[in-house]
Amino acid sequence: MTRKLPLKLCYTLILFVSFAMAGDIFRAKLYPEGEPDNLVYIHTNKITEIGDTTIFDHYYHTPEGQLHAHDQVVLVKGEPISNFLNFDIIEEHSSFVRQGDMAELSFEYKGKQKTHLRDLKTPLIFAPSQQYALRGYLEQLLKGETAIFYIFAPETVRLVKMKVQMLEGSQYQKPGCVVLQMKPNNFFIDWLVDEVYYVIDTETGRIMEQHGFSTIRVKNGDKWEFKDLDFYYSYE
């Protein structure tokens, strides 16, 4: 895939916006991998459309109702303009702000901050907009082709190249769905970061389940740690 978002993909995404957004409001339950009885977060979302602007707000609450994280992405004509991810409980904040052909990336943890201006990489996908974007790739992926895009890796303050492909014979396979595997395109990063698996409804393009690496930390004793998580979605 070229650095610029193909026109066919842009048109596909725009067409889907008109009828899919309202049906993409969800409530998801999050569990550490292999711990189906240990509910750690409730994940919900809100989608706001104002003219050419679409705002995705994702919220992560503890089972007791405390807000753990707020992840917001702003798109204008389908292109990402900003992303702000705030974990107020653990004093962790990250941001992406587009500045022409550049991107200002920032990461702050417990008062220590680092900010870098990077070349903008496209196509660029964030967690709140991943369903919107993956739906646009679905026809391509169902043909067995590979999709390439970039994600924001906050702790390294970089835009990391990823690849997504359909996975046959997955343990997560279920009727009416396809399993997609996302992993870093770089071998070294792939060695450090676990893959993510998406269970996608082939009729609606909705993410029904998500398994693997997550940027959402889970409390373990007195520490907040990264864990592979299982996401289970239900839609309004």
C-alpha atoms as a PDB file:
ATOM      1  CA  MET A   1       0.000   0.000   0.000  1.00  0.00           C
ATOM      2  CA  THR A   2       1.286   3.449  -0.855  1.00  0.00           C
ATOM      3  CA  ARG A   3       1.936   6.158   1.694  1.00  0.00           C
ATOM      4  CA  LYS A   4      -1.262   7.950   0.598  1.00  0.00           C
ATOM      5  CA  LEU A   5      -4.634   6.407   1.434  1.00  0.00           C
ATOM      6  CA  PRO A   6      -5.978   4.887  -1.830  1.00  0.00           C
ATOM      7  CA  LEU A   7      -9.000   6.670  -3.305  1.00  0.00           C
ATOM      8  CA  LYS A   8     -10.979   3.422  -3.359  1.00  0.00           C
ATOM      9  CA  LEU A   9     -10.426   2.992   0.391  1.00  0.00           C
ATOM     10  CA  CYS A  10     -11.357   6.629   1.070  1.00  0.00           C
ATOM     11  CA  TYR A  11     -14.635   6.249  -0.816  1.00  0.00           C
ATOM     12  CA  THR A  12     -15.373   2.960   0.966  1.00  0.00           C
ATOM     13  CA  LEU A  13     -14.848   4.564   4.373  1.00  0.00           C
ATOM     14  CA  ILE A  14     -16.998   7.577   3.517  1.00  0.00           C
ATOM     15  CA  LEU A  15     -19.860   5.371   2.316  1.00  0.00           C
ATOM     16  CA  PHE A  16     -19.764   3.319   5.483  1.00  0.00           C
ATOM     17  CA  VAL A  17     -19.814   6.396   7.747  1.00  0.00           C
ATOM     18  CA  SER A  18     -23.369   7.316   6.754  1.00  0.00           C
ATOM     19  CA  PHE A  19     -24.988   4.092   7.956  1.00  0.00           C
ATOM     20  CA  ALA A  20     -22.496   2.267  10.165  1.00  0.00           C
ATOM     21  CA  MET A  21     -21.576   4.833  12.800  1.00  0.00           C
ATOM     22  CA  ALA A  22     -24.860   4.752  14.697  1.00  0.00           C
ATOM     23  CA  GLY A  23     -24.667   0.960  14.882  1.00  0.00           C
ATOM     24  CA  ASP A  24     -21.129   0.959  16.228  1.00  0.00           C
ATOM     25  CA  ILE A  25     -22.010   1.991  19.782  1.00  0.00           C
ATOM     26  CA  PHE A  26     -20.850  -0.815  22.021  1.00  0.00           C
ATOM     27  CA  ARG A  27     -20.232  -2.057  25.529  1.00  0.00           C
ATOM     28  CA  ALA A  28     -17.287  -4.405  25.983  1.00  0.00           C
ATOM     29  CA  LYS A  29     -15.993  -6.458  28.874  1.00  0.00           C
ATOM     30  CA  LEU A  30     -12.223  -6.818  29.357  1.00  0.00           C
ATOM     31  CA  TYR A  31     -10.473  -9.720  31.038  1.00  0.00           C
ATOM     32  CA  PRO A  32      -6.774 -10.589  31.398  1.00  0.00           C
ATOM     33  CA  GLU A  33      -5.916 -13.407  29.013  1.00  0.00           C
ATOM     34  CA  GLY A  34      -6.744 -16.764  30.562  1.00  0.00           C
ATOM     35  CA  GLU A  35      -8.739 -15.202  33.417  1.00  0.00           C
ATOM     36  CA  PRO A  36     -12.391 -15.311  32.230  1.00  0.00           C
ATOM     37  CA  ASP A  37     -13.732 -14.646  35.732  1.00  0.00           C
ATOM     38  CA  ASN A  38     -11.562 -11.586  36.392  1.00  0.00           C
ATOM     39  CA  LEU A  39     -13.414  -8.612  34.881  1.00  0.00           C
ATOM     40  CA  VAL A  40     -11.015  -5.640  34.929  1.00  0.00           C
ATOM     41  CA  TYR A  41     -12.696  -2.972  32.745  1.00  0.00           C
ATOM     42  CA  ILE A  42     -15.930  -1.999  31.047  1.00  0.00           C
ATOM     43  CA  HIS A  43     -15.200  -0.374  27.691  1.00  0.00           C
ATOM     44  CA  THR A  44     -17.766   1.989  26.086  1.00  0.00           C
ATOM     45  CA  ASN A  45     -17.736   4.530  23.275  1.00  0.00           C
ATOM     46  CA  LYS A  46     -19.364   7.637  21.840  1.00  0.00           C
ATOM     47  CA  ILE A  47     -19.303   8.879  18.241  1.00  0.00           C
ATOM     48  CA  THR A  48     -19.951  12.542  17.395  1.00  0.00           C
ATOM     49  CA  GLU A  49     -20.262  13.853  13.834  1.00  0.00           C
ATOM     50  CA  ILE A  50     -20.146  17.584  13.081  1.00  0.00           C
ATOM     51  CA  GLY A  51     -19.910  18.374   9.372  1.00  0.00           C
ATOM     52  CA  ASP A  52     -16.685  16.816   8.041  1.00  0.00           C
ATOM     53  CA  THR A  53     -15.462  16.092  11.581  1.00  0.00           C
ATOM     54  CA  THR A  54     -15.897  12.765  13.371  1.00  0.00           C
ATOM     55  CA  ILE A  55     -14.934  12.425  17.032  1.00  0.00           C
ATOM     56  CA  PHE A  56     -14.439   8.997  18.586  1.00  0.00           C
ATOM     57  CA  ASP A  57     -14.430   8.875  22.404  1.00  0.00           C
ATOM     58  CA  HIS A  58     -13.547   5.603  24.117  1.00  0.00           C
ATOM     59  CA  TYR A  59     -13.887   5.124  27.876  1.00  0.00           C
ATOM     60  CA  TYR A  60     -12.513   2.439  30.180  1.00  0.00           C
ATOM     61  CA  HIS A  61     -14.170   2.137  33.603  1.00  0.00           C
ATOM     62  CA  THR A  62     -13.363  -0.223  36.426  1.00  0.00           C
ATOM     63  CA  PRO A  63     -16.185  -2.646  37.410  1.00  0.00           C
ATOM     64  CA  GLU A  64     -16.845  -0.253  40.333  1.00  0.00           C
ATOM     65  CA  GLY A  65     -17.494   2.605  37.905  1.00  0.00           C
ATOM     66  CA  GLN A  66     -14.240   4.610  38.214  1.00  0.00           C
ATOM     67  CA  LEU A  67     -12.934   6.083  34.966  1.00  0.00           C
ATOM     68  CA  HIS A  68      -9.508   4.599  34.237  1.00  0.00           C
ATOM     69  CA  ALA A  69      -8.818   5.879  30.715  1.00  0.00           C
ATOM     70  CA  HIS A  70     -10.255   8.197  28.061  1.00  0.00           C
ATOM     71  CA  ASP A  71      -9.041   7.780  24.468  1.00  0.00           C
ATOM     72  CA  GLN A  72     -10.168  10.366  21.890  1.00  0.00           C
ATOM     73  CA  VAL A  73      -9.508  10.569  18.154  1.00  0.00           C
ATOM     74  CA  VAL A  74     -10.595  13.393  15.853  1.00  0.00           C
ATOM     75  CA  LEU A  75     -10.902  12.779  12.101  1.00  0.00           C
ATOM     76  CA  VAL A  76     -11.581  15.424   9.456  1.00  0.00           C
ATOM     77  CA  LYS A  77     -12.757  14.010   6.126  1.00  0.00           C
ATOM     78  CA  GLY A  78     -11.581  10.609   7.324  1.00  0.00           C
ATOM     79  CA  GLU A  79      -8.044  11.749   8.126  1.00  0.00           C
ATOM     80  CA  PRO A  80      -6.719  11.724  11.726  1.00  0.00           C
ATOM     81  CA  ILE A  81      -6.037  15.193  13.144  1.00  0.00           C
ATOM     82  CA  SER A  82      -5.469  14.442  16.830  1.00  0.00           C
ATOM     83  CA  ASN A  83      -5.435  11.710  19.465  1.00  0.00           C
ATOM     84  CA  PHE A  84      -5.381  12.187  23.235  1.00  0.00           C
ATOM     85  CA  LEU A  85      -5.103   9.214  25.594  1.00  0.00           C
ATOM     86  CA  ASN A  86      -5.337   9.957  29.316  1.00  0.00           C
ATOM     87  CA  PHE A  87      -4.846   7.486  32.162  1.00  0.00           C
ATOM     88  CA  ASP A  88      -5.506   9.866  35.038  1.00  0.00           C
ATOM     89  CA  ILE A  89      -5.321   7.176  37.731  1.00  0.00           C
ATOM     90  CA  ILE A  90      -1.714   6.320  36.867  1.00  0.00           C
ATOM     91  CA  GLU A  91      -0.636   9.819  35.692  1.00  0.00           C
ATOM     92  CA  GLU A  92       0.021   8.707  32.112  1.00  0.00           C
ATOM     93  CA  HIS A  93      -0.871  10.865  29.106  1.00  0.00           C
ATOM     94  CA  SER A  94      -0.044  10.698  25.409  1.00  0.00           C
ATOM     95  CA  SER A  95      -0.989  12.776  22.408  1.00  0.00           C
ATOM     96  CA  PHE A  96      -0.736  12.954  18.624  1.00  0.00           C
ATOM     97  CA  VAL A  97      -1.337  16.290  16.892  1.00  0.00           C
ATOM     98  CA  ARG A  98      -1.058  16.579  13.137  1.00  0.00           C
ATOM     99  CA  GLN A  99       0.902  19.548  11.813  1.00  0.00           C
ATOM    100  CA  GLY A 100       0.793  19.452   8.011  1.00  0.00           C
ATOM    101  CA  ASP A 101       3.144  16.684   6.873  1.00  0.00           C
ATOM    102  CA  MET A 102       4.474  16.278  10.406  1.00  0.00           C
ATOM    103  CA  ALA A 103       3.105  14.897  13.661  1.00  0.00           C
ATOM    104  CA  GLU A 104       3.845  16.127  17.171  1.00  0.00           C
ATOM    105  CA  LEU A 105       3.968  13.080  19.458  1.00  0.00           C
ATOM    106  CA  SER A 106       4.069  13.353  23.231  1.00  0.00           C
ATOM    107  CA  PHE A 107       4.219  10.897  26.120  1.00  0.00           C
ATOM    108  CA  GLU A 108       4.119  11.752  29.832  1.00  0.00           C
ATOM    109  CA  TYR A 109       4.312   9.354  32.762  1.00  0.00           C
ATOM    110  CA  LYS A 110       4.364  10.496  36.384  1.00  0.00           C
ATOM    111  CA  GLY A 111       5.569  13.986  35.506  1.00  0.00           C
ATOM    112  CA  LYS A 112       8.304  12.959  33.027  1.00  0.00           C
ATOM    113  CA  GLN A 113       7.519  14.022  29.488  1.00  0.00           C
ATOM    114  CA  LYS A 114       9.079  13.518  26.075  1.00  0.00           C
ATOM    115  CA  THR A 115       7.903  15.154  22.848  1.00  0.00           C
ATOM    116  CA  HIS A 116       9.089  14.613  19.277  1.00  0.00           C
ATOM    117  CA  LEU A 117       8.149  15.979  15.873  1.00  0.00           C
ATOM    118  CA  ARG A 118       7.998  13.075  13.408  1.00  0.00           C
ATOM    119  CA  ASP A 119       7.268  12.671   9.718  1.00  0.00           C
ATOM    120  CA  LEU A 120       3.601  11.843   9.240  1.00  0.00           C
ATOM    121  CA  LYS A 121       3.029   8.218   8.191  1.00  0.00           C
ATOM    122  CA  THR A 122      -0.156   7.130   6.444  1.00  0.00           C
ATOM    123  CA  PRO A 123      -2.523   5.413   6.571  1.00  0.00           C
ATOM    124  CA  LEU A 124      -2.611   5.971  10.348  1.00  0.00           C
ATOM    125  CA  ILE A 125      -4.997   4.134  12.698  1.00  0.00           C
ATOM    126  CA  PHE A 126      -5.722   4.659  16.408  1.00  0.00           C
ATOM    127  CA  ALA A 127      -7.577   2.324  18.755  1.00  0.00           C
ATOM    128  CA  PRO A 128     -10.850   4.348  18.753  1.00  0.00           C
ATOM    129  CA  SER A 129     -10.903   4.493  14.933  1.00  0.00           C
ATOM    130  CA  GLN A 130      -9.713   0.927  14.276  1.00  0.00           C
ATOM    131  CA  GLN A 131     -13.196  -0.468  13.592  1.00  0.00           C
ATOM    132  CA  TYR A 132     -13.898   2.353  11.160  1.00  0.00           C
ATOM    133  CA  ALA A 133     -10.605   1.698   9.363  1.00  0.00           C
ATOM    134  CA  LEU A 134     -10.543  -2.121   9.435  1.00  0.00           C
ATOM    135  CA  ARG A 135     -14.012  -2.155   7.865  1.00  0.00           C
ATOM    136  CA  GLY A 136     -12.524  -0.333   4.886  1.00  0.00           C
ATOM    137  CA  TYR A 137      -9.844  -3.013   4.519  1.00  0.00           C
ATOM    138  CA  LEU A 138     -12.194  -5.976   4.962  1.00  0.00           C
ATOM    139  CA  GLU A 139     -12.819  -6.755   1.281  1.00  0.00           C
ATOM    140  CA  GLN A 140      -9.085  -6.669   0.629  1.00  0.00           C
ATOM    141  CA  LEU A 141      -8.306  -8.890   3.637  1.00  0.00           C
ATOM    142  CA  LEU A 142     -10.989 -11.459   2.783  1.00  0.00           C
ATOM    143  CA  LYS A 143      -9.193 -11.973  -0.544  1.00  0.00           C
ATOM    144  CA  GLY A 144      -6.104 -13.021   1.408  1.00  0.00           C
ATOM    145  CA  GLU A 145      -4.233  -9.772   0.840  1.00  0.00           C
ATOM    146  CA  THR A 146      -2.213  -7.966   3.523  1.00  0.00           C
ATOM    147  CA  ALA A 147      -3.008  -4.454   4.732  1.00  0.00           C
ATOM    148  CA  ILE A 148      -0.247  -2.111   5.913  1.00  0.00           C
ATOM    149  CA  PHE A 149      -0.772   0.880   8.177  1.00  0.00           C
ATOM    150  CA  TYR A 150       0.802   2.770  11.097  1.00  0.00           C
ATOM    151  CA  ILE A 151      -0.106   3.118  14.762  1.00  0.00           C
ATOM    152  CA  PHE A 152       1.097   5.526  17.449  1.00  0.00           C
ATOM    153  CA  ALA A 153       3.326   3.785  20.001  1.00  0.00           C
ATOM    154  CA  PRO A 154       3.243   6.280  22.905  1.00  0.00           C
ATOM    155  CA  GLU A 155       6.135   5.036  25.060  1.00  0.00           C
ATOM    156  CA  THR A 156       8.581   5.093  22.143  1.00  0.00           C
ATOM    157  CA  VAL A 157       6.996   8.306  20.742  1.00  0.00           C
ATOM    158  CA  ARG A 158       6.999   6.808  17.252  1.00  0.00           C
ATOM    159  CA  LEU A 159       4.613   5.818  14.472  1.00  0.00           C
ATOM    160  CA  VAL A 160       5.084   2.077  14.042  1.00  0.00           C
ATOM    161  CA  LYS A 161       4.406   0.149  10.845  1.00  0.00           C
ATOM    162  CA  MET A 162       1.931  -2.723  11.243  1.00  0.00           C
ATOM    163  CA  LYS A 163       0.503  -5.404   9.003  1.00  0.00           C
ATOM    164  CA  VAL A 164      -2.885  -7.101   9.160  1.00  0.00           C
ATOM    165  CA  GLN A 165      -3.887 -10.331   7.470  1.00  0.00           C
ATOM    166  CA  MET A 166      -6.615 -12.936   7.677  1.00  0.00           C
ATOM    167  CA  LEU A 167      -5.767 -15.943   9.839  1.00  0.00           C
ATOM    168  CA  GLU A 168      -7.134 -19.383   8.963  1.00  0.00           C
ATOM    169  CA  GLY A 169      -7.750 -22.023  11.640  1.00  0.00           C
ATOM    170  CA  SER A 170      -7.515 -19.612  14.576  1.00  0.00           C
ATOM    171  CA  GLN A 171      -8.600 -20.643  18.059  1.00  0.00           C
ATOM    172  CA  TYR A 172     -10.821 -17.536  18.010  1.00  0.00           C
ATOM    173  CA  GLN A 173     -12.744 -18.552  14.883  1.00  0.00           C
ATOM    174  CA  LYS A 174     -16.549 -18.400  15.173  1.00  0.00           C
ATOM    175  CA  PRO A 175     -19.462 -18.686  12.705  1.00  0.00           C
ATOM    176  CA  GLY A 176     -20.088 -15.621  10.541  1.00  0.00           C
ATOM    177  CA  CYS A 177     -16.744 -14.064  11.486  1.00  0.00           C
ATOM    178  CA  VAL A 178     -13.208 -13.823  10.216  1.00  0.00           C
ATOM    179  CA  VAL A 179     -10.088 -13.578  12.394  1.00  0.00           C
ATOM    180  CA  LEU A 180      -7.543 -10.897  11.546  1.00  0.00           C
ATOM    181  CA  GLN A 181      -4.025 -10.856  12.954  1.00  0.00           C
ATOM    182  CA  MET A 182      -2.226  -7.557  13.510  1.00  0.00           C
ATOM    183  CA  LYS A 183       1.499  -7.544  14.183  1.00  0.00           C
ATOM    184  CA  PRO A 184       4.457  -5.159  13.786  1.00  0.00           C
ATOM    185  CA  ASN A 185       6.073  -5.214  10.359  1.00  0.00           C
ATOM    186  CA  ASN A 186       9.517  -4.951  11.978  1.00  0.00           C
ATOM    187  CA  PHE A 187      10.959  -8.275  13.211  1.00  0.00           C
ATOM    188  CA  PHE A 188      12.596  -6.776  16.311  1.00  0.00           C
ATOM    189  CA  ILE A 189       9.449  -4.960  17.436  1.00  0.00           C
ATOM    190  CA  ASP A 190       7.426  -8.104  16.699  1.00  0.00           C
ATOM    191  CA  TRP A 191       9.717  -9.987  19.093  1.00  0.00           C
ATOM    192  CA  LEU A 192       8.937  -7.444  21.836  1.00  0.00           C
ATOM    193  CA  VAL A 193       5.205  -6.963  21.268  1.00  0.00           C
ATOM    194  CA  ASP A 194       2.526  -9.662  21.164  1.00  0.00           C
ATOM    195  CA  GLU A 195       0.127  -9.877  18.239  1.00  0.00           C
ATOM    196  CA  VAL A 196      -3.471  -8.691  18.371  1.00  0.00           C
ATOM    197  CA  TYR A 197      -6.319 -10.815  17.008  1.00  0.00           C
ATOM    198  CA  TYR A 198      -9.628  -9.297  15.856  1.00  0.00           C
ATOM    199  CA  VAL A 199     -12.774 -11.376  15.429  1.00  0.00           C
ATOM    200  CA  ILE A 200     -14.748  -9.467  12.772  1.00  0.00           C
ATOM    201  CA  ASP A 201     -18.371 -10.004  11.772  1.00  0.00           C
ATOM    202  CA  THR A 202     -18.126 -10.351   7.992  1.00  0.00           C
ATOM    203  CA  GLU A 203     -21.616  -8.891   7.411  1.00  0.00           C
ATOM    204  CA  THR A 204     -21.356  -5.721   9.525  1.00  0.00           C
ATOM    205  CA  GLY A 205     -17.578  -5.271   9.794  1.00  0.00           C
ATOM    206  CA  ARG A 206     -17.919  -4.945  13.563  1.00  0.00           C
ATOM    207  CA  ILE A 207     -15.215  -6.114  15.969  1.00  0.00           C
ATOM    208  CA  MET A 208     -16.868  -8.820  18.076  1.00  0.00           C
ATOM    209  CA  GLU A 209     -13.788  -9.847  20.044  1.00  0.00           C
ATOM    210  CA  GLN A 210     -10.204  -8.664  20.435  1.00  0.00           C
ATOM    211  CA  HIS A 211      -7.366 -10.675  21.965  1.00  0.00           C
ATOM    212  CA  GLY A 212      -3.732  -9.912  22.703  1.00  0.00           C
ATOM    213  CA  PHE A 213      -1.521  -6.919  23.442  1.00  0.00           C
ATOM    214  CA  SER A 214      -3.182  -3.800  24.853  1.00  0.00           C
ATOM    215  CA  THR A 215      -1.939  -0.397  25.978  1.00  0.00           C
ATOM    216  CA  ILE A 216      -4.442  -0.533  28.876  1.00  0.00           C
ATOM    217  CA  ARG A 217      -2.519  -1.263  32.073  1.00  0.00           C
ATOM    218  CA  VAL A 218      -3.940  -3.614  34.718  1.00  0.00           C
ATOM    219  CA  LYS A 219      -3.208  -3.295  38.440  1.00  0.00           C
ATOM    220  CA  ASN A 220      -1.186  -6.176  39.890  1.00  0.00           C
ATOM    221  CA  GLY A 221      -0.658  -5.607  43.604  1.00  0.00           C
ATOM    222  CA  ASP A 222       0.891  -2.137  43.867  1.00  0.00           C
ATOM    223  CA  LYS A 223       2.004  -2.038  40.215  1.00  0.00           C
ATOM    224  CA  TRP A 224       0.264  -1.160  36.971  1.00  0.00           C
ATOM    225  CA  GLU A 225       1.375  -3.623  34.308  1.00  0.00           C
ATOM    226  CA  PHE A 226       0.722  -4.345  30.644  1.00  0.00           C
ATOM    227  CA  LYS A 227      -1.144  -7.594  30.086  1.00  0.00           C
ATOM    228  CA  ASP A 228      -2.625  -9.341  27.091  1.00  0.00           C
ATOM    229  CA  LEU A 229      -6.381  -8.766  27.318  1.00  0.00           C
ATOM    230  CA  ASP A 230      -9.534 -10.394  25.976  1.00  0.00           C
ATOM    231  CA  PHE A 231     -12.236  -7.941  24.777  1.00  0.00           C
ATOM    232  CA  TYR A 232     -15.836  -9.120  24.252  1.00  0.00           C
ATOM    233  CA  TYR A 233     -18.159  -6.632  22.516  1.00  0.00           C
ATOM    234  CA  SER A 234     -21.929  -6.248  22.439  1.00  0.00           C
ATOM    235  CA  TYR A 235     -23.696  -3.581  20.346  1.00  0.00           C
ATOM    236  CA  GLU A 236     -26.781  -1.447  20.821  1.00  0.00           C
END
